[in-house]
C-alpha atoms as a PDB file:
ATOM      1  CA  MET A   1     161.429-262.365  -8.224  1.00  0.00           C
ATOM      2  CA  LEU A   2     163.487-261.422 -11.296  1.00  0.00           C
ATOM      3  CA  PRO A   3     164.635-265.020 -12.014  1.00  0.00           C
ATOM      4  CA  ALA A   4     160.975-266.111 -11.824  1.00  0.00           C
ATOM      5  CA  LEU A   5     160.060-263.301 -14.293  1.00  0.00           C
ATOM      6  CA  PHE A   6     162.784-264.490 -16.696  1.00  0.00           C
ATOM      7  CA  ARG A   7     161.491-268.049 -16.523  1.00  0.00           C
ATOM      8  CA  PHE A   8     157.956-266.885 -17.155  1.00  0.00           C
ATOM      9  CA  LEU A   9     159.066-264.791 -20.171  1.00  0.00           C
ATOM     10  CA  SER A  10     160.941-267.733 -21.557  1.00  0.00           C
ATOM     11  CA  ARG A  11     157.682-269.613 -22.038  1.00  0.00           C
ATOM     12  CA  LEU A  12     155.902-266.863 -23.964  1.00  0.00           C
ATOM     13  CA  PRO A  13     155.663-267.099 -27.799  1.00  0.00           C
ATOM     14  CA  LEU A  14     158.378-265.270 -29.643  1.00  0.00           C
ATOM     15  CA  PRO A  15     155.926-262.968 -31.540  1.00  0.00           C
ATOM     16  CA  LEU A  16     154.400-261.888 -28.209  1.00  0.00           C
ATOM     17  CA  LEU A  17     157.865-261.219 -26.662  1.00  0.00           C
ATOM     18  CA  HIS A  18     158.895-259.146 -29.651  1.00  0.00           C
ATOM     19  CA  ASN A  19     155.626-257.089 -29.388  1.00  0.00           C
ATOM     20  CA  LEU A  20     156.247-256.527 -25.671  1.00  0.00           C
ATOM     21  CA  GLY A  21     159.893-255.826 -26.418  1.00  0.00           C
ATOM     22  CA  ALA A  22     159.008-253.092 -28.953  1.00  0.00           C
ATOM     23  CA  LEU A  23     156.961-251.427 -26.172  1.00  0.00           C
ATOM     24  CA  ALA A  24     159.725-251.846 -23.625  1.00  0.00           C
ATOM     25  CA  GLY A  25     162.116-250.181 -26.126  1.00  0.00           C
ATOM     26  CA  TRP A  26     159.969-247.126 -26.374  1.00  0.00           C
ATOM     27  CA  LEU A  27     159.415-247.000 -22.620  1.00  0.00           C
ATOM     28  CA  ALA A  28     163.183-247.021 -22.024  1.00  0.00           C
ATOM     29  CA  TRP A  29     163.565-244.275 -24.530  1.00  0.00           C
ATOM     30  CA  LEU A  30     160.900-242.090 -22.963  1.00  0.00           C
ATOM     31  CA  LEU A  31     161.961-242.688 -19.281  1.00  0.00           C
ATOM     32  CA  SER A  32     165.723-242.425 -19.476  1.00  0.00           C
ATOM     33  CA  ALA A  33     167.317-239.222 -20.554  1.00  0.00           C
ATOM     34  CA  THR A  34     170.816-240.778 -20.488  1.00  0.00           C
ATOM     35  CA  TYR A  35     169.792-243.634 -22.674  1.00  0.00           C
ATOM     36  CA  ARG A  36     167.994-241.268 -25.010  1.00  0.00           C
ATOM     37  CA  HIS A  37     171.048-239.026 -25.279  1.00  0.00           C
ATOM     38  CA  ASN A  38     173.471-241.844 -25.919  1.00  0.00           C
ATOM     39  CA  PHE A  39     171.218-243.515 -28.418  1.00  0.00           C
ATOM     40  CA  SER A  40     170.608-240.304 -30.424  1.00  0.00           C
ATOM     41  CA  ARG A  41     174.172-239.281 -30.405  1.00  0.00           C
ATOM     42  CA  HIS A  42     175.515-242.600 -31.502  1.00  0.00           C
ATOM     43  CA  ILE A  43     173.036-243.148 -34.372  1.00  0.00           C
ATOM     44  CA  GLU A  44     173.518-239.567 -35.549  1.00  0.00           C
ATOM     45  CA  GLN A  45     177.303-239.991 -35.419  1.00  0.00           C
ATOM     46  CA  ALA A  46     176.959-242.982 -37.781  1.00  0.00           C
ATOM     47  CA  GLY A  47     174.655-241.105 -40.070  1.00  0.00           C
ATOM     48  CA  MET A  48     171.823-243.557 -39.728  1.00  0.00           C
ATOM     49  CA  THR A  49     168.963-241.443 -38.223  1.00  0.00           C
ATOM     50  CA  ALA A  50     166.597-242.935 -40.798  1.00  0.00           C
ATOM     51  CA  ALA A  51     166.620-246.137 -38.846  1.00  0.00           C
ATOM     52  CA  LYS A  52     166.067-244.463 -35.403  1.00  0.00           C
ATOM     53  CA  ASN A  53     162.448-245.262 -34.749  1.00  0.00           C
ATOM     54  CA  ALA A  54     162.783-248.886 -35.801  1.00  0.00           C
ATOM     55  CA  ALA A  55     166.039-249.190 -33.751  1.00  0.00           C
ATOM     56  CA  ILE A  56     164.294-247.961 -30.611  1.00  0.00           C
ATOM     57  CA  ALA A  57     161.726-250.787 -30.865  1.00  0.00           C
ATOM     58  CA  GLU A  58     164.352-253.416 -31.849  1.00  0.00           C
ATOM     59  CA  ALA A  59     166.519-252.633 -28.835  1.00  0.00           C
ATOM     60  CA  GLY A  60     163.511-253.660 -26.623  1.00  0.00           C
ATOM     61  CA  LYS A  61     163.031-256.821 -28.625  1.00  0.00           C
ATOM     62  CA  ALA A  62     166.702-257.723 -28.110  1.00  0.00           C
ATOM     63  CA  LEU A  63     166.121-257.550 -24.361  1.00  0.00           C
ATOM     64  CA  LEU A  64     162.795-259.423 -24.121  1.00  0.00           C
ATOM     65  CA  GLU A  65     163.989-262.286 -26.345  1.00  0.00           C
ATOM     66  CA  LEU A  66     166.991-263.125 -24.049  1.00  0.00           C
ATOM     67  CA  PRO A  67     165.035-265.343 -21.620  1.00  0.00           C
ATOM     68  CA  LYS A  68     163.882-267.514 -24.538  1.00  0.00           C
ATOM     69  CA  ILE A  69     167.458-267.831 -25.964  1.00  0.00           C
ATOM     70  CA  TRP A  70     169.020-268.484 -22.538  1.00  0.00           C
ATOM     71  CA  LEU A  71     166.405-270.750 -20.802  1.00  0.00           C
ATOM     72  CA  ARG A  72     164.740-272.861 -23.498  1.00  0.00           C
ATOM     73  CA  PRO A  73     166.218-276.237 -24.622  1.00  0.00           C
ATOM     74  CA  GLN A  74     168.967-275.864 -27.187  1.00  0.00           C
ATOM     75  CA  ASP A  75     167.048-277.762 -29.947  1.00  0.00           C
ATOM     76  CA  GLU A  76     164.159-275.340 -29.540  1.00  0.00           C
ATOM     77  CA  VAL A  77     166.435-272.358 -29.608  1.00  0.00           C
ATOM     78  CA  ILE A  78     168.290-273.252 -32.824  1.00  0.00           C
ATOM     79  CA  GLU A  79     164.987-274.043 -34.582  1.00  0.00           C
ATOM     80  CA  ARG A  80     164.396-270.353 -34.383  1.00  0.00           C
ATOM     81  CA  VAL A  81     167.138-269.879 -36.929  1.00  0.00           C
ATOM     82  CA  VAL A  82     164.965-270.383 -40.088  1.00  0.00           C
ATOM     83  CA  LYS A  83     167.468-269.321 -42.715  1.00  0.00           C
ATOM     84  CA  VAL A  84     171.319-269.342 -42.965  1.00  0.00           C
ATOM     85  CA  SER A  85     173.385-267.475 -45.474  1.00  0.00           C
ATOM     86  CA  GLY A  86     177.182-267.981 -45.866  1.00  0.00           C
ATOM     87  CA  TRP A  87     177.432-271.338 -44.135  1.00  0.00           C
ATOM     88  CA  GLU A  88     179.789-272.585 -46.918  1.00  0.00           C
ATOM     89  CA  LEU A  89     182.398-270.325 -45.226  1.00  0.00           C
ATOM     90  CA  VAL A  90     182.257-272.372 -42.062  1.00  0.00           C
ATOM     91  CA  GLU A  91     182.382-275.624 -44.060  1.00  0.00           C
ATOM     92  CA  ALA A  92     185.429-274.339 -45.981  1.00  0.00           C
ATOM     93  CA  ALA A  93     187.193-273.696 -42.631  1.00  0.00           C
ATOM     94  CA  TRP A  94     186.313-277.167 -41.376  1.00  0.00           C
ATOM     95  CA  GLN A  95     187.677-278.668 -44.636  1.00  0.00           C
ATOM     96  CA  ALA A  96     190.941-276.758 -44.182  1.00  0.00           C
ATOM     97  CA  LYS A  97     191.082-277.797 -40.486  1.00  0.00           C
ATOM     98  CA  ARG A  98     191.372-274.230 -39.385  1.00  0.00           C
ATOM     99  CA  GLY A  99     190.046-272.594 -36.235  1.00  0.00           C
ATOM    100  CA  ILE A 100     187.225-270.040 -36.723  1.00  0.00           C
ATOM    101  CA  LEU A 101     187.099-266.672 -35.118  1.00  0.00           C
ATOM    102  CA  PHE A 102     183.451-265.413 -35.148  1.00  0.00           C
ATOM    103  CA  LEU A 103     183.020-261.749 -34.608  1.00  0.00           C
ATOM    104  CA  THR A 104     179.529-260.868 -33.717  1.00  0.00           C
ATOM    105  CA  PRO A 105     178.747-257.180 -32.708  1.00  0.00           C
ATOM    106  CA  HIS A 106     175.712-256.005 -30.767  1.00  0.00           C
ATOM    107  CA  LEU A 107     173.632-256.545 -33.885  1.00  0.00           C
ATOM    108  CA  GLY A 108     170.463-258.576 -34.163  1.00  0.00           C
ATOM    109  CA  CYS A 109     170.103-261.509 -31.881  1.00  0.00           C
ATOM    110  CA  PHE A 110     173.807-261.813 -31.092  1.00  0.00           C
ATOM    111  CA  GLU A 111     173.237-264.582 -28.491  1.00  0.00           C
ATOM    112  CA  ILE A 112     171.738-267.093 -30.921  1.00  0.00           C
ATOM    113  CA  THR A 113     174.766-267.099 -33.276  1.00  0.00           C
ATOM    114  CA  ALA A 114     176.970-268.969 -30.834  1.00  0.00           C
ATOM    115  CA  GLN A 115     174.168-271.311 -29.840  1.00  0.00           C
ATOM    116  CA  TYR A 116     173.617-272.255 -33.442  1.00  0.00           C
ATOM    117  CA  TYR A 117     177.228-273.113 -34.101  1.00  0.00           C
ATOM    118  CA  ALA A 118     177.646-274.933 -30.789  1.00  0.00           C
ATOM    119  CA  ALA A 119     174.775-277.240 -31.534  1.00  0.00           C
ATOM    120  CA  GLN A 120     177.112-278.761 -34.122  1.00  0.00           C
ATOM    121  CA  LYS A 121     180.713-278.311 -32.888  1.00  0.00           C
ATOM    122  CA  PRO A 122     182.516-277.002 -29.837  1.00  0.00           C
ATOM    123  CA  MET A 123     182.816-273.253 -29.444  1.00  0.00           C
ATOM    124  CA  THR A 124     184.413-271.074 -26.764  1.00  0.00           C
ATOM    125  CA  VAL A 125     183.181-267.600 -26.158  1.00  0.00           C
ATOM    126  CA  LEU A 126     184.577-264.726 -24.252  1.00  0.00           C
ATOM    127  CA  TYR A 127     182.400-264.104 -21.203  1.00  0.00           C
ATOM    128  CA  ARG A 128     182.293-261.220 -18.785  1.00  0.00           C
ATOM    129  CA  ARG A 129     180.209-262.078 -15.802  1.00  0.00           C
ATOM    130  CA  PRO A 130     177.258-259.684 -15.306  1.00  0.00           C
ATOM    131  CA  LYS A 131     177.265-257.227 -12.380  1.00  0.00           C
ATOM    132  CA  GLN A 132     173.865-258.563 -11.281  1.00  0.00           C
ATOM    133  CA  ASP A 133     174.646-261.791  -9.365  1.00  0.00           C
ATOM    134  CA  TRP A 134     171.140-263.207  -9.941  1.00  0.00           C
ATOM    135  CA  LEU A 135     171.600-263.076 -13.742  1.00  0.00           C
ATOM    136  CA  ALA A 136     174.760-265.110 -14.050  1.00  0.00           C
ATOM    137  CA  PRO A 137     173.261-268.553 -13.275  1.00  0.00           C
ATOM    138  CA  LEU A 138     170.509-267.872 -15.846  1.00  0.00           C
ATOM    139  CA  ILE A 139     173.022-267.014 -18.543  1.00  0.00           C
ATOM    140  CA  GLU A 140     175.225-269.945 -17.769  1.00  0.00           C
ATOM    141  CA  GLU A 141     172.297-272.346 -17.572  1.00  0.00           C
ATOM    142  CA  GLY A 142     171.364-271.718 -21.197  1.00  0.00           C
ATOM    143  CA  ARG A 143     174.716-272.770 -22.601  1.00  0.00           C
ATOM    144  CA  GLY A 144     174.848-276.269 -24.191  1.00  0.00           C
ATOM    145  CA  ALA A 145     177.565-278.712 -23.555  1.00  0.00           C
ATOM    146  CA  ASN A 146     179.539-277.554 -26.597  1.00  0.00           C
ATOM    147  CA  LEU A 147     179.495-273.874 -25.660  1.00  0.00           C
ATOM    148  CA  LYS A 148     182.313-273.174 -23.327  1.00  0.00           C
ATOM    149  CA  LEU A 149     182.798-269.887 -21.369  1.00  0.00           C
ATOM    150  CA  ALA A 150     186.191-268.190 -21.180  1.00  0.00           C
ATOM    151  CA  PRO A 151     186.434-265.469 -18.570  1.00  0.00           C
ATOM    152  CA  ALA A 152     187.577-261.990 -19.718  1.00  0.00           C
ATOM    153  CA  ASP A 153     190.996-262.262 -18.205  1.00  0.00           C
ATOM    154  CA  LEU A 154     194.431-263.787 -19.048  1.00  0.00           C
ATOM    155  CA  SER A 155     193.327-267.324 -18.356  1.00  0.00           C
ATOM    156  CA  GLY A 156     190.355-266.848 -20.688  1.00  0.00           C
ATOM    157  CA  VAL A 157     192.642-265.524 -23.435  1.00  0.00           C
ATOM    158  CA  ARG A 158     194.761-268.686 -23.113  1.00  0.00           C
ATOM    159  CA  ARG A 159     191.561-270.754 -23.523  1.00  0.00           C
ATOM    160  CA  LEU A 160     190.728-268.917 -26.671  1.00  0.00           C
ATOM    161  CA  LEU A 161     194.162-269.404 -28.132  1.00  0.00           C
ATOM    162  CA  LYS A 162     194.118-273.096 -27.307  1.00  0.00           C
ATOM    163  CA  ALA A 163     190.715-273.552 -28.913  1.00  0.00           C
ATOM    164  CA  LEU A 164     191.798-271.824 -32.135  1.00  0.00           C
ATOM    165  CA  LYS A 165     195.060-273.709 -32.362  1.00  0.00           C
ATOM    166  CA  SER A 166     193.078-276.893 -31.860  1.00  0.00           C
ATOM    167  CA  GLY A 167     190.986-276.079 -34.921  1.00  0.00           C
ATOM    168  CA  GLU A 168     187.880-275.173 -32.745  1.00  0.00           C
ATOM    169  CA  ALA A 169     185.729-271.993 -32.960  1.00  0.00           C
ATOM    170  CA  VAL A 170     185.909-268.926 -30.812  1.00  0.00           C
ATOM    171  CA  GLY A 171     183.243-266.140 -30.536  1.00  0.00           C
ATOM    172  CA  MET A 172     183.266-262.650 -29.169  1.00  0.00           C
ATOM    173  CA  LEU A 173     181.631-259.318 -29.241  1.00  0.00           C
ATOM    174  CA  PRO A 174     184.357-257.169 -30.934  1.00  0.00           C
ATOM    175  CA  ASP A 175     182.537-253.886 -30.153  1.00  0.00           C
ATOM    176  CA  GLN A 176     182.366-254.535 -26.444  1.00  0.00           C
ATOM    177  CA  VAL A 177     184.349-251.861 -24.503  1.00  0.00           C
ATOM    178  CA  PRO A 178     187.268-253.697 -22.901  1.00  0.00           C
ATOM    179  CA  GLY A 179     188.887-252.879 -19.517  1.00  0.00           C
ATOM    180  CA  ASN A 180     191.649-250.412 -19.162  1.00  0.00           C
ATOM    181  CA  GLY A 181     194.883-251.671 -20.691  1.00  0.00           C
ATOM    182  CA  GLU A 182     193.077-254.157 -22.966  1.00  0.00           C
ATOM    183  CA  GLY A 183     192.376-251.814 -25.855  1.00  0.00           C
ATOM    184  CA  ALA A 184     193.257-248.642 -27.684  1.00  0.00           C
ATOM    185  CA  TRP A 185     191.424-245.543 -28.916  1.00  0.00           C
ATOM    186  CA  LEU A 186     190.547-246.208 -32.502  1.00  0.00           C
ATOM    187  CA  PRO A 187     188.009-244.725 -34.912  1.00  0.00           C
ATOM    188  CA  PHE A 188     184.502-246.202 -34.922  1.00  0.00           C
ATOM    189  CA  PHE A 189     181.990-244.259 -37.147  1.00  0.00           C
ATOM    190  CA  GLY A 190     184.406-241.375 -37.171  1.00  0.00           C
ATOM    191  CA  ARG A 191     184.821-241.080 -33.411  1.00  0.00           C
ATOM    192  CA  PRO A 192     187.454-242.553 -31.076  1.00  0.00           C
ATOM    193  CA  ALA A 193     186.162-245.638 -29.274  1.00  0.00           C
ATOM    194  CA  TYR A 194     188.167-247.727 -26.767  1.00  0.00           C
ATOM    195  CA  THR A 195     188.540-250.828 -28.883  1.00  0.00           C
ATOM    196  CA  MET A 196     189.716-254.322 -27.915  1.00  0.00           C
ATOM    197  CA  THR A 197     192.795-255.506 -29.725  1.00  0.00           C
ATOM    198  CA  LEU A 198     192.267-259.077 -28.722  1.00  0.00           C
ATOM    199  CA  ALA A 199     190.352-259.981 -31.792  1.00  0.00           C
ATOM    200  CA  ALA A 200     193.172-258.709 -34.022  1.00  0.00           C
ATOM    201  CA  ARG A 201     195.702-260.687 -31.976  1.00  0.00           C
ATOM    202  CA  LEU A 202     193.745-263.915 -32.165  1.00  0.00           C
ATOM    203  CA  ALA A 203     193.548-263.581 -35.922  1.00  0.00           C
ATOM    204  CA  GLU A 204     197.339-263.980 -35.992  1.00  0.00           C
ATOM    205  CA  THR A 205     196.751-267.719 -35.220  1.00  0.00           C
ATOM    206  CA  GLY A 206     195.787-268.239 -38.876  1.00  0.00           C
ATOM    207  CA  ALA A 207     192.162-268.837 -37.953  1.00  0.00           C
ATOM    208  CA  THR A 208     189.435-268.082 -40.405  1.00  0.00           C
ATOM    209  CA  VAL A 209     187.813-264.761 -39.410  1.00  0.00           C
ATOM    210  CA  LEU A 210     184.065-264.464 -40.042  1.00  0.00           C
ATOM    211  CA  LEU A 211     181.647-261.658 -39.310  1.00  0.00           C
ATOM    212  CA  ALA A 212     178.225-262.997 -38.125  1.00  0.00           C
ATOM    213  CA  TYR A 213     174.860-261.696 -36.987  1.00  0.00           C
ATOM    214  CA  ALA A 214     171.341-263.049 -36.785  1.00  0.00           C
ATOM    215  CA  GLU A 215     168.781-260.727 -38.250  1.00  0.00           C
ATOM    216  CA  ARG A 216     165.498-260.626 -36.319  1.00  0.00           C
ATOM    217  CA  LEU A 217     162.662-261.386 -38.706  1.00  0.00           C
ATOM    218  CA  ASP A 218     159.307-259.603 -38.584  1.00  0.00           C
ATOM    219  CA  TYR A 219     156.347-260.788 -36.555  1.00  0.00           C
ATOM    220  CA  GLY A 220     158.474-263.132 -34.456  1.00  0.00           C
ATOM    221  CA  ALA A 221     159.127-265.395 -37.421  1.00  0.00           C
ATOM    222  CA  GLY A 222     162.595-266.327 -36.174  1.00  0.00           C
ATOM    223  CA  TYR A 223     166.091-265.319 -37.325  1.00  0.00           C
ATOM    224  CA  HIS A 224     168.229-265.213 -40.433  1.00  0.00           C
ATOM    225  CA  LEU A 225     171.839-266.004 -39.600  1.00  0.00           C
ATOM    226  CA  LYS A 226     174.264-264.253 -41.874  1.00  0.00           C
ATOM    227  CA  LEU A 227     177.974-264.967 -42.176  1.00  0.00           C
ATOM    228  CA  PHE A 228     180.502-262.916 -44.065  1.00  0.00           C
ATOM    229  CA  PRO A 229     184.232-263.074 -44.808  1.00  0.00           C
ATOM    230  CA  LEU A 230     186.462-260.089 -44.266  1.00  0.00           C
ATOM    231  CA  SER A 231     186.521-257.767 -47.203  1.00  0.00           C
ATOM    232  CA  ALA A 232     190.314-257.998 -47.252  1.00  0.00           C
ATOM    233  CA  PRO A 233     192.935-260.032 -45.258  1.00  0.00           C
ATOM    234  CA  LEU A 234     194.072-258.380 -42.001  1.00  0.00           C
ATOM    235  CA  ALA A 235     197.387-256.628 -42.359  1.00  0.00           C
ATOM    236  CA  GLY A 236     199.883-254.600 -40.304  1.00  0.00           C
ATOM    237  CA  ASP A 237     200.431-254.460 -36.555  1.00  0.00           C
ATOM    238  CA  PRO A 238     197.622-255.206 -33.952  1.00  0.00           C
ATOM    239  CA  MET A 239     196.549-251.546 -33.955  1.00  0.00           C
ATOM    240  CA  GLN A 240     196.176-251.479 -37.717  1.00  0.00           C
ATOM    241  CA  ARG A 241     194.348-254.816 -37.655  1.00  0.00           C
ATOM    242  CA  ALA A 242     191.974-253.623 -34.951  1.00  0.00           C
ATOM    243  CA  THR A 243     191.318-250.379 -36.952  1.00  0.00           C
ATOM    244  CA  GLN A 244     190.524-252.543 -39.967  1.00  0.00           C
ATOM    245  CA  LEU A 245     188.120-254.715 -37.950  1.00  0.00           C
ATOM    246  CA  ASN A 246     186.268-251.604 -36.776  1.00  0.00           C
ATOM    247  CA  GLY A 247     185.767-250.679 -40.418  1.00  0.00           C
ATOM    248  CA  GLU A 248     184.412-254.182 -41.118  1.00  0.00           C
ATOM    249  CA  LEU A 249     182.057-253.848 -38.261  1.00  0.00           C
ATOM    250  CA  GLU A 250     180.789-250.440 -39.595  1.00  0.00           C
ATOM    251  CA  THR A 251     180.024-252.127 -42.965  1.00  0.00           C
ATOM    252  CA  LEU A 252     178.206-254.993 -41.252  1.00  0.00           C
ATOM    253  CA  ILE A 253     176.114-252.697 -39.240  1.00  0.00           C
ATOM    254  CA  ARG A 254     175.136-250.760 -42.259  1.00  0.00           C
ATOM    255  CA  HIS A 255     173.441-253.914 -43.541  1.00  0.00           C
ATOM    256  CA  CYS A 256     170.945-253.730 -40.725  1.00  0.00           C
ATOM    257  CA  PRO A 257     171.232-250.483 -38.794  1.00  0.00           C
ATOM    258  CA  GLU A 258     167.820-250.681 -37.173  1.00  0.00           C
ATOM    259  CA  GLN A 259     168.997-253.803 -35.268  1.00  0.00           C
ATOM    260  CA  TYR A 260     172.202-252.354 -33.773  1.00  0.00           C
ATOM    261  CA  LEU A 261     172.181-251.482 -30.064  1.00  0.00           C
ATOM    262  CA  TRP A 262     172.827-247.711 -30.478  1.00  0.00           C
ATOM    263  CA  GLY A 263     172.054-247.171 -26.775  1.00  0.00           C
ATOM    264  CA  TYR A 264     175.130-249.222 -25.783  1.00  0.00           C
ATOM    265  CA  ASN A 265     177.729-246.788 -24.546  1.00  0.00           C
ATOM    266  CA  ARG A 266     180.379-247.715 -27.118  1.00  0.00           C
ATOM    267  CA  TYR A 267     182.325-244.574 -26.536  1.00  0.00           C
ATOM    268  CA  LYS A 268     182.627-244.647 -22.754  1.00  0.00           C
ATOM    269  CA  VAL A 269     185.945-244.235 -21.060  1.00  0.00           C
ATOM    270  CA  PRO A 270     186.883-247.418 -19.045  1.00  0.00           C
ATOM    271  CA  ALA A 271     187.696-246.905 -15.394  1.00  0.00           C
ATOM    272  CA  GLY A 272     191.298-245.833 -15.088  1.00  0.00           C
ATOM    273  CA  ALA A 273     191.788-245.162 -18.818  1.00  0.00           C
ATOM    274  CA  GLU A 274     192.783-241.840 -20.198  1.00  0.00           C
ATOM    275  CA  PRO A 275     190.243-240.225 -22.522  1.00  0.00           C
ATOM    276  CA  PRO A 276     191.186-240.020 -26.164  1.00  0.00           C
ATOM    277  CA  GLU A 277     191.876-236.317 -25.947  1.00  0.00           C
ATOM    278  CA  ALA A 278     194.499-236.848 -23.250  1.00  0.00           C
ATOM    279  CA  VAL A 279     196.182-239.606 -25.330  1.00  0.00           C
ATOM    280  CA  LYS A 280     196.443-237.334 -28.348  1.00  0.00           C
ATOM    281  CA  THR A 281     198.155-234.507 -26.278  1.00  0.00           C
ATOM    282  CA  ARG A 282     200.748-236.633 -24.597  1.00  0.00           C
END
């Protein structure tokens, strides 16, 4: 039933999907007290309540556009990217024969950024299989031949390292909560968040680190892919680098706060991990 619904949605026009998504965003807000609590607390923590109403609708758009990104032919998907800013940073990395580490938070249409790059050159993305078994084949079906999936385990990390050392690109969601033992409690918008240190470690390969997100344009007009360099070279040990990356993500999110997934439980305590308060008192 659900796979059939996804396939049906993938055939609808993007403007209609975004209109339905805006409605779905408000329904989720009204029907789930937990979601409403997390959303409000996170956006208030970041000091961006002015973007709240727009962000509620944009979260629904992010959900309803996924079938179109995953299930339509790759050529059709990348045609939705109608404007690109900062592509010269990618070309400079190619010229220098350096690997590229793309860091794309839960901002805008984060699925289309990897698709766009992989239409041109190979890219490996860190992939955590969804808990819903029916969803995994749909996600995996929408990957082109150049978009390789690396599992979120040690074997996947090896694949990422190999890709970067070979001068290829790697992509990940740096604000995704890692499993216990794979991160550290570091500040994110002024509150401790369990933060992956993998991105900071991968940067030690000498790869070009780029921040990226695809801004969702009004009225289903497509997406504007935006690429940015780090404001300063990463420095210090992995924890200091990861802290710096969190700061870079905060700056990026401030560019388009209404399209960040504030309902994502960024501050949750992973199973088996000690909460930040316990870490401080040890």
